[in-house]
């Protein structure tokens, strides 16, 4: 009879071991899956936010050299004495997109517009935006009498789009006003 008791004890021990091993493997798999999912958040979206912030920092500086032209620009800042310089904005809007993109240290497509207090786009000479020329900007008129409206991103394909708004002081004639610099970055 003693042999039967020993066999039953060993059978219970094997089944306990098997169940605990299966539970441990299941817990380990779930832990690994949770950890992997927590680290694989949308890193591309985070990179877009970082690039939009970097573009805004570069543009909201004096640039280098501070009196840059399209031929001499190293860092295309748009400010002079902490105020938006319309001449620099026009130069940046007139600059080739393929030359401007590496100077803003981004690999993503971007568009920068300026909006007044009524959310209407501000035109600089005959230009409406800095950046990707493939984005449709509704405009009416010809020559210096252009009237820009909000950009339409239906003409391009993108997976993620980030919009960053920064405030800047703009001297328009004899008055100063706070306007919005709106940066769109996408891939």
C-alpha atoms as a PDB file:
ATOM      1  CA  UNK A   1       0.000   0.000   0.000  1.00  0.00           C
ATOM      2  CA  UNK A   2       2.830   2.351   0.604  1.00  0.00           C
ATOM      3  CA  UNK A   3       3.740   2.281  -3.067  1.00  0.00           C
ATOM      4  CA  UNK A   4       0.325   3.569  -4.090  1.00  0.00           C
ATOM      5  CA  UNK A   5       0.547   6.550  -1.786  1.00  0.00           C
ATOM      6  CA  UNK A   6       3.938   7.524  -3.172  1.00  0.00           C
ATOM      7  CA  UNK A   7       2.699   7.343  -6.736  1.00  0.00           C
ATOM      8  CA  UNK A   8      -0.297   9.543  -5.977  1.00  0.00           C
ATOM      9  CA  UNK A   9       1.895  12.101  -4.278  1.00  0.00           C
ATOM     10  CA  UNK A  10       4.216  12.251  -7.254  1.00  0.00           C
ATOM     11  CA  UNK A  11       1.284  12.569  -9.645  1.00  0.00           C
ATOM     12  CA  UNK A  12      -0.055  15.542  -7.695  1.00  0.00           C
ATOM     13  CA  UNK A  13       3.380  17.119  -7.699  1.00  0.00           C
ATOM     14  CA  UNK A  14       3.726  16.764 -11.515  1.00  0.00           C
ATOM     15  CA  UNK A  15       0.308  18.306 -12.171  1.00  0.00           C
ATOM     16  CA  UNK A  16       1.046  21.207  -9.792  1.00  0.00           C
ATOM     17  CA  UNK A  17       4.346  21.770 -11.523  1.00  0.00           C
ATOM     18  CA  UNK A  18       2.751  21.700 -14.984  1.00  0.00           C
ATOM     19  CA  UNK A  19      -0.014  24.163 -14.066  1.00  0.00           C
ATOM     20  CA  UNK A  20       2.400  26.555 -12.358  1.00  0.00           C
ATOM     21  CA  UNK A  21       4.769  26.412 -15.348  1.00  0.00           C
ATOM     22  CA  UNK A  22       1.920  27.220 -17.757  1.00  0.00           C
ATOM     23  CA  UNK A  23       0.764  30.127 -15.562  1.00  0.00           C
ATOM     24  CA  UNK A  24       4.328  31.461 -15.373  1.00  0.00           C
ATOM     25  CA  UNK A  25       4.743  31.291 -19.174  1.00  0.00           C
ATOM     26  CA  UNK A  26       1.391  33.028 -19.676  1.00  0.00           C
ATOM     27  CA  UNK A  27       2.313  35.791 -17.224  1.00  0.00           C
ATOM     28  CA  UNK A  28       5.716  36.248 -18.903  1.00  0.00           C
ATOM     29  CA  UNK A  29       4.130  36.500 -22.366  1.00  0.00           C
ATOM     30  CA  UNK A  30       1.567  39.039 -21.172  1.00  0.00           C
ATOM     31  CA  UNK A  31       4.290  41.110 -19.482  1.00  0.00           C
ATOM     32  CA  UNK A  32       6.427  41.155 -22.603  1.00  0.00           C
ATOM     33  CA  UNK A  33       3.451  42.152 -24.750  1.00  0.00           C
ATOM     34  CA  UNK A  34       2.508  45.009 -22.391  1.00  0.00           C
ATOM     35  CA  UNK A  35       6.090  46.278 -22.298  1.00  0.00           C
ATOM     36  CA  UNK A  36       6.467  46.121 -26.078  1.00  0.00           C
ATOM     37  CA  UNK A  37       3.166  47.932 -26.629  1.00  0.00           C
ATOM     38  CA  UNK A  38       4.008  50.655 -24.135  1.00  0.00           C
ATOM     39  CA  UNK A  39       7.298  51.438 -25.901  1.00  0.00           C
ATOM     40  CA  UNK A  40       5.864  51.307 -29.385  1.00  0.00           C
ATOM     41  CA  UNK A  41       3.646  54.345 -29.013  1.00  0.00           C
ATOM     42  CA  UNK A  42       3.432  56.442 -32.112  1.00  0.00           C
ATOM     43  CA  UNK A  43       7.070  57.523 -32.232  1.00  0.00           C
ATOM     44  CA  UNK A  44       6.597  59.015 -35.686  1.00  0.00           C
ATOM     45  CA  UNK A  45       3.990  61.376 -34.269  1.00  0.00           C
ATOM     46  CA  UNK A  46       6.384  62.342 -31.463  1.00  0.00           C
ATOM     47  CA  UNK A  47       9.087  63.018 -34.068  1.00  0.00           C
ATOM     48  CA  UNK A  48       6.659  65.243 -36.001  1.00  0.00           C
ATOM     49  CA  UNK A  49       5.920  67.246 -32.847  1.00  0.00           C
ATOM     50  CA  UNK A  50       9.633  67.606 -32.162  1.00  0.00           C
ATOM     51  CA  UNK A  51      10.322  68.741 -35.735  1.00  0.00           C
ATOM     52  CA  UNK A  52       7.483  71.265 -35.633  1.00  0.00           C
ATOM     53  CA  UNK A  53       8.918  72.697 -32.438  1.00  0.00           C
ATOM     54  CA  UNK A  54      12.420  72.789 -33.914  1.00  0.00           C
ATOM     55  CA  UNK A  55      11.180  74.568 -37.061  1.00  0.00           C
ATOM     56  CA  UNK A  56       9.382  77.165 -34.940  1.00  0.00           C
ATOM     57  CA  UNK A  57      12.507  77.758 -32.837  1.00  0.00           C
ATOM     58  CA  UNK A  58      14.645  78.283 -35.926  1.00  0.00           C
ATOM     59  CA  UNK A  59      12.126  80.599 -37.583  1.00  0.00           C
ATOM     60  CA  UNK A  60      11.527  82.586 -34.389  1.00  0.00           C
ATOM     61  CA  UNK A  61      15.163  83.645 -34.199  1.00  0.00           C
ATOM     62  CA  UNK A  62      17.196  86.359 -35.933  1.00  0.00           C
ATOM     63  CA  UNK A  63      18.758  83.752 -38.184  1.00  0.00           C
ATOM     64  CA  UNK A  64      22.358  83.494 -39.199  1.00  0.00           C
ATOM     65  CA  UNK A  65      23.707  85.740 -40.479  1.00  0.00           C
ATOM     66  CA  UNK A  66      21.226  88.197 -38.978  1.00  0.00           C
ATOM     67  CA  UNK A  67      20.876  90.100 -42.267  1.00  0.00           C
ATOM     68  CA  UNK A  68      20.679  86.967 -44.396  1.00  0.00           C
ATOM     69  CA  UNK A  69      19.711  86.756 -48.034  1.00  0.00           C
ATOM     70  CA  UNK A  70      18.658  83.637 -49.930  1.00  0.00           C
ATOM     71  CA  UNK A  71      22.253  83.171 -51.107  1.00  0.00           C
ATOM     72  CA  UNK A  72      23.945  83.681 -47.723  1.00  0.00           C
ATOM     73  CA  UNK A  73      21.479  82.038 -45.341  1.00  0.00           C
ATOM     74  CA  UNK A  74      22.696  79.385 -42.931  1.00  0.00           C
ATOM     75  CA  UNK A  75      19.821  79.575 -40.454  1.00  0.00           C
ATOM     76  CA  UNK A  76      16.676  81.307 -41.809  1.00  0.00           C
ATOM     77  CA  UNK A  77      15.314  83.191 -38.800  1.00  0.00           C
ATOM     78  CA  UNK A  78      12.417  85.592 -39.372  1.00  0.00           C
ATOM     79  CA  UNK A  79      12.842  87.998 -36.453  1.00  0.00           C
ATOM     80  CA  UNK A  80      14.690  91.267 -36.035  1.00  0.00           C
ATOM     81  CA  UNK A  81      14.743  92.730 -32.522  1.00  0.00           C
ATOM     82  CA  UNK A  82      12.184  90.104 -31.398  1.00  0.00           C
ATOM     83  CA  UNK A  83       9.650  91.237 -34.022  1.00  0.00           C
ATOM     84  CA  UNK A  84       8.643  89.568 -37.266  1.00  0.00           C
ATOM     85  CA  UNK A  85      10.615  91.053 -40.146  1.00  0.00           C
ATOM     86  CA  UNK A  86       8.417  91.055 -43.257  1.00  0.00           C
ATOM     87  CA  UNK A  87      11.462  91.244 -45.557  1.00  0.00           C
ATOM     88  CA  UNK A  88      12.862  88.029 -44.045  1.00  0.00           C
ATOM     89  CA  UNK A  89       9.450  86.386 -44.304  1.00  0.00           C
ATOM     90  CA  UNK A  90       9.253  87.297 -48.001  1.00  0.00           C
ATOM     91  CA  UNK A  91      12.766  85.922 -48.551  1.00  0.00           C
ATOM     92  CA  UNK A  92      11.828  82.637 -46.854  1.00  0.00           C
ATOM     93  CA  UNK A  93       8.587  82.412 -48.817  1.00  0.00           C
ATOM     94  CA  UNK A  94      10.505  83.003 -52.029  1.00  0.00           C
ATOM     95  CA  UNK A  95      13.213  80.439 -51.188  1.00  0.00           C
ATOM     96  CA  UNK A  96      13.188  77.097 -52.943  1.00  0.00           C
ATOM     97  CA  UNK A  97      11.561  74.390 -50.812  1.00  0.00           C
ATOM     98  CA  UNK A  98      14.394  71.955 -51.537  1.00  0.00           C
ATOM     99  CA  UNK A  99      16.928  74.491 -50.190  1.00  0.00           C
ATOM    100  CA  UNK A 100      14.851  75.567 -47.207  1.00  0.00           C
ATOM    101  CA  UNK A 101      14.000  72.098 -45.873  1.00  0.00           C
ATOM    102  CA  UNK A 102      17.581  71.108 -44.864  1.00  0.00           C
ATOM    103  CA  UNK A 103      18.206  74.567 -43.389  1.00  0.00           C
ATOM    104  CA  UNK A 104      15.246  73.970 -41.044  1.00  0.00           C
ATOM    105  CA  UNK A 105      16.776  70.601 -40.115  1.00  0.00           C
ATOM    106  CA  UNK A 106      13.735  68.495 -40.909  1.00  0.00           C
ATOM    107  CA  UNK A 107      13.150  65.435 -43.034  1.00  0.00           C
ATOM    108  CA  UNK A 108       9.380  65.871 -43.005  1.00  0.00           C
ATOM    109  CA  UNK A 109       7.229  68.066 -45.216  1.00  0.00           C
ATOM    110  CA  UNK A 110       6.105  71.342 -43.702  1.00  0.00           C
ATOM    111  CA  UNK A 111       4.090  74.494 -44.310  1.00  0.00           C
ATOM    112  CA  UNK A 112       4.220  77.753 -42.344  1.00  0.00           C
ATOM    113  CA  UNK A 113       1.503  80.394 -42.562  1.00  0.00           C
ATOM    114  CA  UNK A 114       0.738  83.551 -40.619  1.00  0.00           C
ATOM    115  CA  UNK A 115      -2.727  84.391 -39.334  1.00  0.00           C
ATOM    116  CA  UNK A 116      -4.061  87.686 -38.048  1.00  0.00           C
ATOM    117  CA  UNK A 117      -6.529  88.241 -35.218  1.00  0.00           C
ATOM    118  CA  UNK A 118      -9.484  87.160 -37.362  1.00  0.00           C
ATOM    119  CA  UNK A 119      -7.755  83.890 -38.346  1.00  0.00           C
ATOM    120  CA  UNK A 120      -7.255  85.265 -41.862  1.00  0.00           C
ATOM    121  CA  UNK A 121      -3.949  84.475 -43.503  1.00  0.00           C
ATOM    122  CA  UNK A 122      -1.526  87.362 -43.788  1.00  0.00           C
ATOM    123  CA  UNK A 123       0.004  87.927 -47.200  1.00  0.00           C
ATOM    124  CA  UNK A 124       3.565  89.158 -47.583  1.00  0.00           C
ATOM    125  CA  UNK A 125       3.955  90.887 -50.957  1.00  0.00           C
ATOM    126  CA  UNK A 126       2.618  88.178 -53.278  1.00  0.00           C
ATOM    127  CA  UNK A 127       3.347  85.186 -51.044  1.00  0.00           C
ATOM    128  CA  UNK A 128       1.089  83.269 -48.676  1.00  0.00           C
ATOM    129  CA  UNK A 129       3.160  80.482 -47.127  1.00  0.00           C
ATOM    130  CA  UNK A 130       6.611  79.113 -46.423  1.00  0.00           C
ATOM    131  CA  UNK A 131       7.127  75.478 -47.284  1.00  0.00           C
ATOM    132  CA  UNK A 132       5.723  72.726 -49.417  1.00  0.00           C
ATOM    133  CA  UNK A 133       4.356  74.122 -52.694  1.00  0.00           C
ATOM    134  CA  UNK A 134       2.066  71.086 -53.178  1.00  0.00           C
ATOM    135  CA  UNK A 135      -0.439  72.273 -50.557  1.00  0.00           C
ATOM    136  CA  UNK A 136      -3.343  74.146 -52.101  1.00  0.00           C
ATOM    137  CA  UNK A 137      -3.864  77.611 -50.706  1.00  0.00           C
ATOM    138  CA  UNK A 138      -7.040  79.234 -51.860  1.00  0.00           C
ATOM    139  CA  UNK A 139      -6.196  82.604 -53.315  1.00  0.00           C
ATOM    140  CA  UNK A 140      -8.018  85.164 -55.344  1.00  0.00           C
ATOM    141  CA  UNK A 141      -6.626  88.044 -57.330  1.00  0.00           C
ATOM    142  CA  UNK A 142      -3.441  88.431 -59.292  1.00  0.00           C
ATOM    143  CA  UNK A 143      -0.174  90.211 -58.693  1.00  0.00           C
ATOM    144  CA  UNK A 144       0.105  92.240 -55.482  1.00  0.00           C
ATOM    145  CA  UNK A 145      -3.671  92.100 -54.849  1.00  0.00           C
ATOM    146  CA  UNK A 146      -3.629  88.494 -53.698  1.00  0.00           C
ATOM    147  CA  UNK A 147      -5.978  87.297 -50.960  1.00  0.00           C
ATOM    148  CA  UNK A 148      -4.890  84.064 -49.255  1.00  0.00           C
ATOM    149  CA  UNK A 149      -7.259  81.737 -47.458  1.00  0.00           C
ATOM    150  CA  UNK A 150      -6.736  78.630 -45.347  1.00  0.00           C
ATOM    151  CA  UNK A 151      -4.546  75.851 -46.746  1.00  0.00           C
ATOM    152  CA  UNK A 152      -6.211  72.674 -47.986  1.00  0.00           C
ATOM    153  CA  UNK A 153      -4.335  69.467 -47.308  1.00  0.00           C
ATOM    154  CA  UNK A 154      -6.585  67.402 -49.574  1.00  0.00           C
ATOM    155  CA  UNK A 155      -4.083  67.686 -52.431  1.00  0.00           C
ATOM    156  CA  UNK A 156      -1.408  65.704 -50.574  1.00  0.00           C
ATOM    157  CA  UNK A 157      -1.217  62.272 -48.972  1.00  0.00           C
ATOM    158  CA  UNK A 158      -0.167  62.033 -45.340  1.00  0.00           C
ATOM    159  CA  UNK A 159      -0.379  59.574 -42.484  1.00  0.00           C
ATOM    160  CA  UNK A 160       0.191  61.988 -39.606  1.00  0.00           C
ATOM    161  CA  UNK A 161      -0.170  65.764 -39.464  1.00  0.00           C
ATOM    162  CA  UNK A 162       0.919  68.043 -36.628  1.00  0.00           C
ATOM    163  CA  UNK A 163      -0.189  71.645 -36.235  1.00  0.00           C
ATOM    164  CA  UNK A 164       1.790  73.963 -33.963  1.00  0.00           C
ATOM    165  CA  UNK A 165       0.779  77.569 -33.299  1.00  0.00           C
ATOM    166  CA  UNK A 166       3.200  80.172 -31.958  1.00  0.00           C
ATOM    167  CA  UNK A 167       2.546  83.846 -31.261  1.00  0.00           C
ATOM    168  CA  UNK A 168       4.784  86.566 -32.668  1.00  0.00           C
ATOM    169  CA  UNK A 169       4.795  90.372 -32.675  1.00  0.00           C
ATOM    170  CA  UNK A 170       4.322  91.876 -36.124  1.00  0.00           C
ATOM    171  CA  UNK A 171       4.777  95.548 -36.961  1.00  0.00           C
ATOM    172  CA  UNK A 172       2.239  96.337 -39.661  1.00  0.00           C
ATOM    173  CA  UNK A 173       2.770  99.933 -40.629  1.00  0.00           C
ATOM    174  CA  UNK A 174       2.629 102.166 -37.573  1.00  0.00           C
ATOM    175  CA  UNK A 175       0.984  99.605 -35.257  1.00  0.00           C
ATOM    176  CA  UNK A 176       2.180  96.416 -33.631  1.00  0.00           C
ATOM    177  CA  UNK A 177      -0.028  93.386 -33.264  1.00  0.00           C
ATOM    178  CA  UNK A 178       0.294  89.824 -32.074  1.00  0.00           C
ATOM    179  CA  UNK A 179      -0.226  87.320 -34.871  1.00  0.00           C
ATOM    180  CA  UNK A 180      -0.058  83.531 -35.096  1.00  0.00           C
ATOM    181  CA  UNK A 181       2.631  81.591 -36.881  1.00  0.00           C
ATOM    182  CA  UNK A 182       1.035  78.238 -37.716  1.00  0.00           C
ATOM    183  CA  UNK A 183       3.334  75.355 -38.602  1.00  0.00           C
ATOM    184  CA  UNK A 184       2.063  72.164 -40.209  1.00  0.00           C
ATOM    185  CA  UNK A 185       4.403  69.151 -40.369  1.00  0.00           C
ATOM    186  CA  UNK A 186       3.432  65.814 -41.906  1.00  0.00           C
ATOM    187  CA  UNK A 187       4.676  62.635 -43.504  1.00  0.00           C
END
